[in-house]
PDB file of all heavy atoms in Angstrom:
ATOM      1  N   THR A   1       9.446   5.004  -5.552  1.00  0.00           N
ATOM      2  CA  THR A   1       9.401   3.615  -5.110  1.00  0.00           C
ATOM      3  C   THR A   1       9.883   3.458  -3.671  1.00  0.00           C
ATOM      4  O   THR A   1       9.261   2.761  -2.873  1.00  0.00           O
ATOM      5  CB  THR A   1      10.250   2.728  -6.043  1.00  0.00           C
ATOM      6  OG1 THR A   1       9.784   2.917  -7.380  1.00  0.00           O
ATOM      7  CG2 THR A   1      10.149   1.272  -5.671  1.00  0.00           C
ATOM      8  N   ALA A   2      10.980   4.114  -3.337  1.00  0.00           N
ATOM      9  CA  ALA A   2      11.519   4.000  -1.981  1.00  0.00           C
ATOM     10  C   ALA A   2      10.526   4.553  -0.955  1.00  0.00           C
ATOM     11  O   ALA A   2      10.310   3.948   0.101  1.00  0.00           O
ATOM     12  CB  ALA A   2      12.851   4.731  -1.875  1.00  0.00           C
ATOM     13  N   GLY A   3       9.903   5.680  -1.271  1.00  0.00           N
ATOM     14  CA  GLY A   3       8.944   6.288  -0.356  1.00  0.00           C
ATOM     15  C   GLY A   3       7.722   5.423  -0.137  1.00  0.00           C
ATOM     16  O   GLY A   3       7.236   5.282   0.985  1.00  0.00           O
ATOM     17  N   VAL A   4       7.227   4.836  -1.209  1.00  0.00           N
ATOM     18  CA  VAL A   4       6.029   4.012  -1.071  1.00  0.00           C
ATOM     19  C   VAL A   4       6.347   2.723  -0.319  1.00  0.00           C
ATOM     20  O   VAL A   4       5.563   2.270   0.505  1.00  0.00           O
ATOM     21  CB  VAL A   4       5.361   3.740  -2.437  1.00  0.00           C
ATOM     22  CG1 VAL A   4       6.102   2.745  -3.262  1.00  0.00           C
ATOM     23  CG2 VAL A   4       3.925   3.301  -2.242  1.00  0.00           C
ATOM     24  N   ARG A   5       7.490   2.120  -0.569  1.00  0.00           N
ATOM     25  CA  ARG A   5       7.859   0.899   0.162  1.00  0.00           C
ATOM     26  C   ARG A   5       8.068   1.196   1.646  1.00  0.00           C
ATOM     27  O   ARG A   5       7.694   0.399   2.501  1.00  0.00           O
ATOM     28  CB  ARG A   5       9.090   0.255  -0.457  1.00  0.00           C
ATOM     29  CG  ARG A   5       8.778  -0.372  -1.808  1.00  0.00           C
ATOM     30  CD  ARG A   5       9.979  -1.078  -2.404  1.00  0.00           C
ATOM     31  NE  ARG A   5       9.680  -1.577  -3.719  1.00  0.00           N
ATOM     32  CZ  ARG A   5       9.059  -2.727  -3.986  1.00  0.00           C
ATOM     33  NH1 ARG A   5       8.676  -3.494  -2.987  1.00  0.00           N
ATOM     34  NH2 ARG A   5       8.828  -3.105  -5.213  1.00  0.00           N
ATOM     35  N   LYS A   6       8.604   2.358   1.953  1.00  0.00           N
ATOM     36  CA  LYS A   6       8.784   2.762   3.353  1.00  0.00           C
ATOM     37  C   LYS A   6       7.422   2.962   4.025  1.00  0.00           C
ATOM     38  O   LYS A   6       7.216   2.530   5.160  1.00  0.00           O
ATOM     39  CB  LYS A   6       9.606   4.046   3.415  1.00  0.00           C
ATOM     40  CG  LYS A   6       9.933   4.501   4.804  1.00  0.00           C
ATOM     41  CD  LYS A   6      10.830   5.723   4.783  1.00  0.00           C
ATOM     42  CE  LYS A   6      11.156   6.173   6.195  1.00  0.00           C
ATOM     43  NZ  LYS A   6      12.046   7.349   6.191  1.00  0.00           N
ATOM     44  N   ALA A   7       6.497   3.600   3.318  1.00  0.00           N
ATOM     45  CA  ALA A   7       5.151   3.820   3.867  1.00  0.00           C
ATOM     46  C   ALA A   7       4.433   2.498   4.104  1.00  0.00           C
ATOM     47  O   ALA A   7       3.770   2.314   5.124  1.00  0.00           O
ATOM     48  CB  ALA A   7       4.340   4.711   2.924  1.00  0.00           C
ATOM     49  N   ILE A   8       4.572   1.565   3.165  1.00  0.00           N
ATOM     50  CA  ILE A   8       3.948   0.249   3.309  1.00  0.00           C
ATOM     51  C   ILE A   8       4.520  -0.483   4.511  1.00  0.00           C
ATOM     52  O   ILE A   8       3.779  -1.040   5.324  1.00  0.00           O
ATOM     53  CB  ILE A   8       4.112  -0.586   2.027  1.00  0.00           C
ATOM     54  CG1 ILE A   8       3.239  -0.012   0.916  1.00  0.00           C
ATOM     55  CG2 ILE A   8       3.772  -2.049   2.281  1.00  0.00           C
ATOM     56  CD1 ILE A   8       3.515  -0.600  -0.458  1.00  0.00           C
ATOM     57  N   ALA A   9       5.835  -0.469   4.636  1.00  0.00           N
ATOM     58  CA  ALA A   9       6.480  -1.158   5.760  1.00  0.00           C
ATOM     59  C   ALA A   9       6.012  -0.580   7.091  1.00  0.00           C
ATOM     60  O   ALA A   9       5.708  -1.324   8.029  1.00  0.00           O
ATOM     61  CB  ALA A   9       8.000  -1.050   5.641  1.00  0.00           C
ATOM     62  N   ARG A  10       5.913   0.731   7.172  1.00  0.00           N
ATOM     63  CA  ARG A  10       5.478   1.370   8.418  1.00  0.00           C
ATOM     64  C   ARG A  10       4.019   1.037   8.728  1.00  0.00           C
ATOM     65  O   ARG A  10       3.674   0.732   9.869  1.00  0.00           O
ATOM     66  CB  ARG A  10       5.668   2.887   8.313  1.00  0.00           C
ATOM     67  CG  ARG A  10       5.254   3.623   9.546  1.00  0.00           C
ATOM     68  CD  ARG A  10       6.160   3.314  10.726  1.00  0.00           C
ATOM     69  NE  ARG A  10       5.730   4.093  11.866  1.00  0.00           N
ATOM     70  CZ  ARG A  10       5.588   3.604  13.084  1.00  0.00           C
ATOM     71  NH1 ARG A  10       5.897   2.359  13.341  1.00  0.00           N
ATOM     72  NH2 ARG A  10       5.180   4.368  14.058  1.00  0.00           N
ATOM     73  N   LEU A  11       3.177   1.089   7.712  1.00  0.00           N
ATOM     74  CA  LEU A  11       1.763   0.760   7.901  1.00  0.00           C
ATOM     75  C   LEU A  11       1.597  -0.675   8.388  1.00  0.00           C
ATOM     76  O   LEU A  11       0.845  -0.942   9.326  1.00  0.00           O
ATOM     77  CB  LEU A  11       0.997   0.967   6.595  1.00  0.00           C
ATOM     78  CG  LEU A  11      -0.480   0.613   6.618  1.00  0.00           C
ATOM     79  CD1 LEU A  11      -1.228   1.481   7.618  1.00  0.00           C
ATOM     80  CD2 LEU A  11      -1.066   0.761   5.229  1.00  0.00           C
ATOM     81  N   GLN A  12       2.322  -1.599   7.776  1.00  0.00           N
ATOM     82  CA  GLN A  12       2.232  -2.999   8.185  1.00  0.00           C
ATOM     83  C   GLN A  12       2.759  -3.195   9.607  1.00  0.00           C
ATOM     84  O   GLN A  12       2.206  -3.975  10.380  1.00  0.00           O
ATOM     85  CB  GLN A  12       2.971  -3.882   7.193  1.00  0.00           C
ATOM     86  CG  GLN A  12       2.268  -3.965   5.851  1.00  0.00           C
ATOM     87  CD  GLN A  12       3.079  -4.686   4.791  1.00  0.00           C
ATOM     88  OE1 GLN A  12       4.301  -4.653   4.789  1.00  0.00           O
ATOM     89  NE2 GLN A  12       2.369  -5.334   3.880  1.00  0.00           N
ATOM     90  N   GLN A  13       3.807  -2.473   9.954  1.00  0.00           N
ATOM     91  CA  GLN A  13       4.360  -2.558  11.305  1.00  0.00           C
ATOM     92  C   GLN A  13       3.342  -2.078  12.343  1.00  0.00           C
ATOM     93  O   GLN A  13       3.139  -2.722  13.371  1.00  0.00           O
ATOM     94  CB  GLN A  13       5.638  -1.733  11.401  1.00  0.00           C
ATOM     95  CG  GLN A  13       6.260  -1.736  12.785  1.00  0.00           C
ATOM     96  CD  GLN A  13       7.447  -0.801  12.885  1.00  0.00           C
ATOM     97  OE1 GLN A  13       7.580   0.143  12.107  1.00  0.00           O
ATOM     98  NE2 GLN A  13       8.303  -1.045  13.850  1.00  0.00           N
ATOM     99  N   VAL A  14       2.698  -0.967  12.070  1.00  0.00           N
ATOM    100  CA  VAL A  14       1.687  -0.426  12.994  1.00  0.00           C
ATOM    101  C   VAL A  14       0.520  -1.398  13.119  1.00  0.00           C
ATOM    102  O   VAL A  14       0.029  -1.657  14.222  1.00  0.00           O
ATOM    103  CB  VAL A  14       1.218   0.971  12.533  1.00  0.00           C
ATOM    104  CG1 VAL A  14      -0.006   1.425  13.318  1.00  0.00           C
ATOM    105  CG2 VAL A  14       2.343   1.980  12.663  1.00  0.00           C
ATOM    106  N   ALA A  15       0.084  -1.959  12.004  1.00  0.00           N
ATOM    107  CA  ALA A  15      -1.033  -2.911  12.034  1.00  0.00           C
ATOM    108  C   ALA A  15      -0.685  -4.131  12.886  1.00  0.00           C
ATOM    109  O   ALA A  15      -1.512  -4.601  13.673  1.00  0.00           O
ATOM    110  CB  ALA A  15      -1.397  -3.337  10.613  1.00  0.00           C
ATOM    111  N   ARG A  16       0.533  -4.629  12.743  1.00  0.00           N
ATOM    112  CA  ARG A  16       0.959  -5.780  13.566  1.00  0.00           C
ATOM    113  C   ARG A  16       1.054  -5.402  15.040  1.00  0.00           C
ATOM    114  O   ARG A  16       0.614  -6.143  15.910  1.00  0.00           O
ATOM    115  CB  ARG A  16       2.308  -6.317  13.086  1.00  0.00           C
ATOM    116  CG  ARG A  16       2.239  -7.149  11.836  1.00  0.00           C
ATOM    117  CD  ARG A  16       3.554  -7.854  11.551  1.00  0.00           C
ATOM    118  NE  ARG A  16       4.683  -6.935  11.447  1.00  0.00           N
ATOM    119  CZ  ARG A  16       5.080  -6.339  10.323  1.00  0.00           C
ATOM    120  NH1 ARG A  16       4.432  -6.550   9.204  1.00  0.00           N
ATOM    121  NH2 ARG A  16       6.125  -5.532  10.327  1.00  0.00           N
ATOM    122  N   THR A  17       1.625  -4.235  15.313  1.00  0.00           N
ATOM    123  CA  THR A  17       1.808  -3.780  16.698  1.00  0.00           C
ATOM    124  C   THR A  17       0.473  -3.691  17.430  1.00  0.00           C
ATOM    125  O   THR A  17       0.357  -4.115  18.582  1.00  0.00           O
ATOM    126  CB  THR A  17       2.500  -2.408  16.731  1.00  0.00           C
ATOM    127  OG1 THR A  17       3.802  -2.544  16.153  1.00  0.00           O
ATOM    128  CG2 THR A  17       2.623  -1.881  18.151  1.00  0.00           C
ATOM    129  N   TYR A  18      -0.539  -3.160  16.753  1.00  0.00           N
ATOM    130  CA  TYR A  18      -1.835  -2.976  17.380  1.00  0.00           C
ATOM    131  C   TYR A  18      -2.815  -4.088  17.053  1.00  0.00           C
ATOM    132  O   TYR A  18      -3.997  -4.004  17.421  1.00  0.00           O
ATOM    133  CB  TYR A  18      -2.415  -1.612  16.998  1.00  0.00           C
ATOM    134  CG  TYR A  18      -1.597  -0.479  17.579  1.00  0.00           C
ATOM    135  CD1 TYR A  18      -0.713   0.235  16.787  1.00  0.00           C
ATOM    136  CD2 TYR A  18      -1.692  -0.156  18.923  1.00  0.00           C
ATOM    137  CE1 TYR A  18       0.056   1.259  17.319  1.00  0.00           C
ATOM    138  CE2 TYR A  18      -0.938   0.859  19.469  1.00  0.00           C
ATOM    139  CZ  TYR A  18      -0.058   1.563  18.657  1.00  0.00           C
ATOM    140  OH  TYR A  18       0.698   2.565  19.195  1.00  0.00           O
ATOM    141  N   ASP A  19      -2.330  -5.131  16.377  1.00  0.00           N
ATOM    142  CA  ASP A  19      -3.143  -6.297  16.024  1.00  0.00           C
ATOM    143  C   ASP A  19      -4.454  -5.882  15.351  1.00  0.00           C
ATOM    144  O   ASP A  19      -5.541  -6.260  15.775  1.00  0.00           O
ATOM    145  CB  ASP A  19      -3.417  -7.151  17.260  1.00  0.00           C
ATOM    146  CG  ASP A  19      -3.947  -8.531  16.897  1.00  0.00           C
ATOM    147  OD1 ASP A  19      -3.634  -9.016  15.789  1.00  0.00           O
ATOM    148  OD2 ASP A  19      -4.682  -9.120  17.716  1.00  0.00           O
ATOM    149  N   ILE A  20      -4.298  -5.072  14.294  1.00  0.00           N
ATOM    150  CA  ILE A  20      -5.461  -4.638  13.529  1.00  0.00           C
ATOM    151  C   ILE A  20      -5.339  -5.121  12.086  1.00  0.00           C
ATOM    152  O   ILE A  20      -4.253  -5.380  11.598  1.00  0.00           O
ATOM    153  CB  ILE A  20      -5.631  -3.098  13.546  1.00  0.00           C
ATOM    154  CG1 ILE A  20      -4.391  -2.397  13.007  1.00  0.00           C
ATOM    155  CG2 ILE A  20      -5.966  -2.616  14.937  1.00  0.00           C
ATOM    156  CD1 ILE A  20      -4.541  -0.909  12.852  1.00  0.00           C
ATOM    157  N   SER A  21      -6.480  -5.235  11.442  1.00  0.00           N
ATOM    158  CA  SER A  21      -6.513  -5.629  10.037  1.00  0.00           C
ATOM    159  C   SER A  21      -6.625  -4.388   9.168  1.00  0.00           C
ATOM    160  O   SER A  21      -7.316  -3.434   9.525  1.00  0.00           O
ATOM    161  CB  SER A  21      -7.720  -6.530   9.772  1.00  0.00           C
ATOM    162  OG  SER A  21      -7.627  -7.706  10.528  1.00  0.00           O
ATOM    163  N   LEU A  22      -5.956  -4.430   8.039  1.00  0.00           N
ATOM    164  CA  LEU A  22      -6.067  -3.333   7.089  1.00  0.00           C
ATOM    165  C   LEU A  22      -7.335  -3.510   6.258  1.00  0.00           C
ATOM    166  O   LEU A  22      -7.809  -4.633   6.067  1.00  0.00           O
ATOM    167  CB  LEU A  22      -4.842  -3.311   6.174  1.00  0.00           C
ATOM    168  CG  LEU A  22      -3.495  -3.121   6.871  1.00  0.00           C
ATOM    169  CD1 LEU A  22      -2.355  -3.217   5.858  1.00  0.00           C
ATOM    170  CD2 LEU A  22      -3.437  -1.790   7.605  1.00  0.00           C
ATOM    171  N   GLU A  23      -7.854  -2.420   5.774  1.00  0.00           N
ATOM    172  CA  GLU A  23      -9.021  -2.463   4.904  1.00  0.00           C
ATOM    173  C   GLU A  23      -8.661  -3.230   3.629  1.00  0.00           C
ATOM    174  O   GLU A  23      -7.521  -3.158   3.164  1.00  0.00           O
ATOM    175  CB  GLU A  23      -9.463  -1.044   4.528  1.00  0.00           C
ATOM    176  CG  GLU A  23      -9.993  -0.231   5.685  1.00  0.00           C
ATOM    177  CD  GLU A  23     -11.340  -0.719   6.163  1.00  0.00           C
ATOM    178  OE1 GLU A  23     -12.158  -1.148   5.328  1.00  0.00           O
ATOM    179  OE2 GLU A  23     -11.575  -0.676   7.378  1.00  0.00           O
ATOM    180  N   PRO A  24      -9.625  -3.953   3.071  1.00  0.00           N
ATOM    181  CA  PRO A  24      -9.349  -4.702   1.837  1.00  0.00           C
ATOM    182  C   PRO A  24      -8.784  -3.833   0.715  1.00  0.00           C
ATOM    183  O   PRO A  24      -7.876  -4.259  -0.001  1.00  0.00           O
ATOM    184  CB  PRO A  24     -10.716  -5.278   1.453  1.00  0.00           C
ATOM    185  CG  PRO A  24     -11.438  -5.411   2.759  1.00  0.00           C
ATOM    186  CD  PRO A  24     -10.979  -4.220   3.569  1.00  0.00           C
ATOM    187  N   VAL A  25      -9.272  -2.615   0.565  1.00  0.00           N
ATOM    188  CA  VAL A  25      -8.765  -1.745  -0.493  1.00  0.00           C
ATOM    189  C   VAL A  25      -7.295  -1.386  -0.245  1.00  0.00           C
ATOM    190  O   VAL A  25      -6.508  -1.250  -1.190  1.00  0.00           O
ATOM    191  CB  VAL A  25      -9.655  -0.486  -0.667  1.00  0.00           C
ATOM    192  CG1 VAL A  25      -9.533   0.443   0.521  1.00  0.00           C
ATOM    193  CG2 VAL A  25      -9.323   0.227  -1.957  1.00  0.00           C
ATOM    194  N   THR A  26      -6.908  -1.258   1.015  1.00  0.00           N
ATOM    195  CA  THR A  26      -5.508  -0.978   1.347  1.00  0.00           C
ATOM    196  C   THR A  26      -4.642  -2.180   1.021  1.00  0.00           C
ATOM    197  O   THR A  26      -3.552  -2.034   0.450  1.00  0.00           O
ATOM    198  CB  THR A  26      -5.369  -0.599   2.835  1.00  0.00           C
ATOM    199  OG1 THR A  26      -6.222   0.515   3.105  1.00  0.00           O
ATOM    200  CG2 THR A  26      -3.935  -0.246   3.184  1.00  0.00           C
ATOM    201  N   GLU A  27      -5.108  -3.368   1.362  1.00  0.00           N
ATOM    202  CA  GLU A  27      -4.378  -4.595   1.033  1.00  0.00           C
ATOM    203  C   GLU A  27      -4.214  -4.738  -0.480  1.00  0.00           C
ATOM    204  O   GLU A  27      -3.156  -5.116  -0.971  1.00  0.00           O
ATOM    205  CB  GLU A  27      -5.103  -5.824   1.587  1.00  0.00           C
ATOM    206  CG  GLU A  27      -5.097  -5.922   3.093  1.00  0.00           C
ATOM    207  CD  GLU A  27      -3.758  -6.365   3.670  1.00  0.00           C
ATOM    208  OE1 GLU A  27      -2.787  -6.594   2.910  1.00  0.00           O
ATOM    209  OE2 GLU A  27      -3.691  -6.485   4.898  1.00  0.00           O
ATOM    210  N   GLN A  28      -5.274  -4.403  -1.227  1.00  0.00           N
ATOM    211  CA  GLN A  28      -5.209  -4.484  -2.688  1.00  0.00           C
ATOM    212  C   GLN A  28      -4.186  -3.497  -3.242  1.00  0.00           C
ATOM    213  O   GLN A  28      -3.429  -3.827  -4.156  1.00  0.00           O
ATOM    214  CB  GLN A  28      -6.579  -4.223  -3.305  1.00  0.00           C
ATOM    215  CG  GLN A  28      -7.565  -5.331  -3.045  1.00  0.00           C
ATOM    216  CD  GLN A  28      -8.992  -4.946  -3.455  1.00  0.00           C
ATOM    217  OE1 GLN A  28      -9.266  -3.809  -3.818  1.00  0.00           O
ATOM    218  NE2 GLN A  28      -9.888  -5.915  -3.387  1.00  0.00           N
ATOM    219  N   LEU A  29      -4.156  -2.295  -2.689  1.00  0.00           N
ATOM    220  CA  LEU A  29      -3.189  -1.298  -3.132  1.00  0.00           C
ATOM    221  C   LEU A  29      -1.766  -1.767  -2.843  1.00  0.00           C
ATOM    222  O   LEU A  29      -0.880  -1.653  -3.693  1.00  0.00           O
ATOM    223  CB  LEU A  29      -3.454   0.045  -2.457  1.00  0.00           C
ATOM    224  CG  LEU A  29      -2.475   1.172  -2.800  1.00  0.00           C
ATOM    225  CD1 LEU A  29      -2.476   1.458  -4.301  1.00  0.00           C
ATOM    226  CD2 LEU A  29      -2.811   2.423  -2.010  1.00  0.00           C
ATOM    227  N   ILE A  30      -1.550  -2.320  -1.662  1.00  0.00           N
ATOM    228  CA  ILE A  30      -0.227  -2.832  -1.308  1.00  0.00           C
ATOM    229  C   ILE A  30       0.192  -3.933  -2.275  1.00  0.00           C
ATOM    230  O   ILE A  30       1.316  -3.927  -2.792  1.00  0.00           O
ATOM    231  CB  ILE A  30      -0.206  -3.329   0.155  1.00  0.00           C
ATOM    232  CG1 ILE A  30      -0.284  -2.132   1.108  1.00  0.00           C
ATOM    233  CG2 ILE A  30       1.057  -4.159   0.428  1.00  0.00           C
ATOM    234  CD1 ILE A  30      -0.499  -2.504   2.559  1.00  0.00           C
ATOM    235  N   ASP A  31      -0.705  -4.870  -2.547  1.00  0.00           N
ATOM    236  CA  ASP A  31      -0.402  -5.951  -3.494  1.00  0.00           C
ATOM    237  C   ASP A  31      -0.060  -5.394  -4.874  1.00  0.00           C
ATOM    238  O   ASP A  31       0.883  -5.848  -5.522  1.00  0.00           O
ATOM    239  CB  ASP A  31      -1.567  -6.929  -3.605  1.00  0.00           C
ATOM    240  CG  ASP A  31      -1.773  -7.759  -2.346  1.00  0.00           C
ATOM    241  OD1 ASP A  31      -0.843  -7.821  -1.511  1.00  0.00           O
ATOM    242  OD2 ASP A  31      -2.869  -8.329  -2.194  1.00  0.00           O
ATOM    243  N   LEU A  32      -0.820  -4.423  -5.320  1.00  0.00           N
ATOM    244  CA  LEU A  32      -0.602  -3.822  -6.627  1.00  0.00           C
ATOM    245  C   LEU A  32       0.754  -3.125  -6.678  1.00  0.00           C
ATOM    246  O   LEU A  32       1.527  -3.317  -7.622  1.00  0.00           O
ATOM    247  CB  LEU A  32      -1.722  -2.822  -6.931  1.00  0.00           C
ATOM    248  CG  LEU A  32      -1.723  -2.176  -8.301  1.00  0.00           C
ATOM    249  CD1 LEU A  32      -1.951  -3.236  -9.379  1.00  0.00           C
ATOM    250  CD2 LEU A  32      -2.801  -1.116  -8.366  1.00  0.00           C
ATOM    251  N   VAL A  33       1.061  -2.351  -5.664  1.00  0.00           N
ATOM    252  CA  VAL A  33       2.322  -1.616  -5.625  1.00  0.00           C
ATOM    253  C   VAL A  33       3.512  -2.572  -5.549  1.00  0.00           C
ATOM    254  O   VAL A  33       4.494  -2.418  -6.271  1.00  0.00           O
ATOM    255  CB  VAL A  33       2.338  -0.638  -4.427  1.00  0.00           C
ATOM    256  CG1 VAL A  33       3.716  -0.061  -4.216  1.00  0.00           C
ATOM    257  CG2 VAL A  33       1.320   0.472  -4.647  1.00  0.00           C
ATOM    258  N   LEU A  34       3.414  -3.580  -4.701  1.00  0.00           N
ATOM    259  CA  LEU A  34       4.529  -4.510  -4.541  1.00  0.00           C
ATOM    260  C   LEU A  34       4.713  -5.426  -5.740  1.00  0.00           C
ATOM    261  O   LEU A  34       5.763  -6.037  -5.889  1.00  0.00           O
ATOM    262  CB  LEU A  34       4.368  -5.322  -3.252  1.00  0.00           C
ATOM    263  CG  LEU A  34       4.457  -4.505  -1.963  1.00  0.00           C
ATOM    264  CD1 LEU A  34       4.301  -5.410  -0.752  1.00  0.00           C
ATOM    265  CD2 LEU A  34       5.760  -3.717  -1.882  1.00  0.00           C
ATOM    266  N   SER A  35       3.714  -5.493  -6.612  1.00  0.00           N
ATOM    267  CA  SER A  35       3.859  -6.306  -7.820  1.00  0.00           C
ATOM    268  C   SER A  35       4.629  -5.547  -8.896  1.00  0.00           C
ATOM    269  O   SER A  35       4.842  -6.063  -9.983  1.00  0.00           O
ATOM    270  CB  SER A  35       2.485  -6.722  -8.354  1.00  0.00           C
ATOM    271  OG  SER A  35       1.825  -5.618  -8.940  1.00  0.00           O
ATOM    272  N   ASP A  36       5.044  -4.303  -8.572  1.00  0.00           N
ATOM    273  CA  ASP A  36       5.823  -3.449  -9.477  1.00  0.00           C
ATOM    274  C   ASP A  36       5.078  -3.096 -10.750  1.00  0.00           C
ATOM    275  O   ASP A  36       5.681  -2.854 -11.791  1.00  0.00           O
ATOM    276  CB  ASP A  36       7.173  -4.086  -9.818  1.00  0.00           C
ATOM    277  CG  ASP A  36       8.111  -4.104  -8.636  1.00  0.00           C
ATOM    278  OD1 ASP A  36       8.037  -3.175  -7.815  1.00  0.00           O
ATOM    279  OD2 ASP A  36       8.910  -5.036  -8.537  1.00  0.00           O
ATOM    280  N   ARG A  37       3.754  -3.075 -10.673  1.00  0.00           N
ATOM    281  CA  ARG A  37       2.986  -2.637 -11.834  1.00  0.00           C
ATOM    282  C   ARG A  37       2.985  -1.123 -11.895  1.00  0.00           C
ATOM    283  O   ARG A  37       3.208  -0.443 -10.897  1.00  0.00           O
ATOM    284  CB  ARG A  37       1.556  -3.189 -11.765  1.00  0.00           C
ATOM    285  CG  ARG A  37       1.605  -4.692 -11.907  1.00  0.00           C
ATOM    286  CD  ARG A  37       0.343  -5.449 -11.994  1.00  0.00           C
ATOM    287  NE  ARG A  37      -0.923  -4.777 -11.943  1.00  0.00           N
ATOM    288  CZ  ARG A  37      -2.032  -5.372 -11.573  1.00  0.00           C
ATOM    289  NH1 ARG A  37      -2.028  -6.627 -11.203  1.00  0.00           N
ATOM    290  NH2 ARG A  37      -3.163  -4.731 -11.554  1.00  0.00           N
ATOM    291  N   VAL A  38       2.732  -0.597 -13.045  1.00  0.00           N
ATOM    292  CA  VAL A  38       2.742   0.842 -13.257  1.00  0.00           C
ATOM    293  C   VAL A  38       1.496   1.463 -12.638  1.00  0.00           C
ATOM    294  O   VAL A  38       0.409   0.875 -12.709  1.00  0.00           O
ATOM    295  CB  VAL A  38       2.776   1.134 -14.781  1.00  0.00           C
ATOM    296  CG1 VAL A  38       2.698   2.629 -15.038  1.00  0.00           C
ATOM    297  CG2 VAL A  38       4.027   0.545 -15.394  1.00  0.00           C
ATOM    298  N   ALA A  39       1.655   2.619 -12.052  1.00  0.00           N
ATOM    299  CA  ALA A  39       0.524   3.331 -11.457  1.00  0.00           C
ATOM    300  C   ALA A  39      -0.471   3.695 -12.541  1.00  0.00           C
ATOM    301  O   ALA A  39      -0.092   4.012 -13.663  1.00  0.00           O
ATOM    302  CB  ALA A  39       1.014   4.607 -10.756  1.00  0.00           C
ATOM    303  N   PRO A  40      -1.766   3.615 -12.228  1.00  0.00           N
ATOM    304  CA  PRO A  40      -2.776   3.985 -13.235  1.00  0.00           C
ATOM    305  C   PRO A  40      -2.635   5.454 -13.593  1.00  0.00           C
ATOM    306  O   PRO A  40      -2.383   6.289 -12.725  1.00  0.00           O
ATOM    307  CB  PRO A  40      -4.096   3.698 -12.538  1.00  0.00           C
ATOM    308  CG  PRO A  40      -3.784   3.640 -11.098  1.00  0.00           C
ATOM    309  CD  PRO A  40      -2.344   3.247 -10.958  1.00  0.00           C
ATOM    310  N   SER A  41      -2.782   5.773 -14.873  1.00  0.00           N
ATOM    311  CA  SER A  41      -2.669   7.177 -15.289  1.00  0.00           C
ATOM    312  C   SER A  41      -3.938   7.918 -14.906  1.00  0.00           C
ATOM    313  O   SER A  41      -5.017   7.352 -14.841  1.00  0.00           O
ATOM    314  CB  SER A  41      -2.448   7.260 -16.791  1.00  0.00           C
ATOM    315  OG  SER A  41      -3.516   6.665 -17.475  1.00  0.00           O
ATOM    316  N   ARG A  42      -3.774   9.173 -14.647  1.00  0.00           N
ATOM    317  CA  ARG A  42      -4.921  10.010 -14.291  1.00  0.00           C
ATOM    318  C   ARG A  42      -5.608  10.448 -15.566  1.00  0.00           C
ATOM    319  O   ARG A  42      -4.961  10.821 -16.532  1.00  0.00           O
ATOM    320  CB  ARG A  42      -4.466  11.219 -13.498  1.00  0.00           C
ATOM    321  CG  ARG A  42      -3.892  10.821 -12.171  1.00  0.00           C
ATOM    322  CD  ARG A  42      -3.426  12.030 -11.411  1.00  0.00           C
ATOM    323  NE  ARG A  42      -2.810  11.591 -10.178  1.00  0.00           N
ATOM    324  CZ  ARG A  42      -3.256  11.916  -8.980  1.00  0.00           C
ATOM    325  NH1 ARG A  42      -4.287  12.686  -8.853  1.00  0.00           N
ATOM    326  NH2 ARG A  42      -2.664  11.467  -7.922  1.00  0.00           N
ATOM    327  N   THR A  43      -6.920  10.405 -15.537  1.00  0.00           N
ATOM    328  CA  THR A  43      -7.679  10.821 -16.712  1.00  0.00           C
ATOM    329  C   THR A  43      -8.689  11.867 -16.320  1.00  0.00           C
ATOM    330  O   THR A  43      -9.257  11.819 -15.224  1.00  0.00           O
ATOM    331  CB  THR A  43      -8.428   9.631 -17.343  1.00  0.00           C
ATOM    332  OG1 THR A  43      -9.284   9.042 -16.374  1.00  0.00           O
ATOM    333  CG2 THR A  43      -7.448   8.581 -17.859  1.00  0.00           C
ATOM    334  N   GLY A  44      -8.870  12.833 -17.206  1.00  0.00           N
ATOM    335  CA  GLY A  44      -9.882  13.861 -16.966  1.00  0.00           C
ATOM    336  C   GLY A  44      -9.621  14.663 -15.725  1.00  0.00           C
ATOM    337  O   GLY A  44      -8.528  14.696 -15.190  1.00  0.00           O
ATOM    338  N   GLY A  45     -10.646  15.313 -15.224  1.00  0.00           N
ATOM    339  CA  GLY A  45     -10.556  16.069 -13.970  1.00  0.00           C
ATOM    340  C   GLY A  45      -9.728  17.316 -14.095  1.00  0.00           C
ATOM    341  O   GLY A  45      -9.181  17.651 -15.124  1.00  0.00           O
TER     342      GLY A  45
END
């Protein structure tokens, strides 16, 4: 949890610094992670 929150904070900081938008899938992942939901389990493969 600490590592992922640190990565999110850094990514958001870089995006603000360079005035860029994150991809929708990245925004969705951030929302999902910050909602404290459980990571999807891996199946098959």
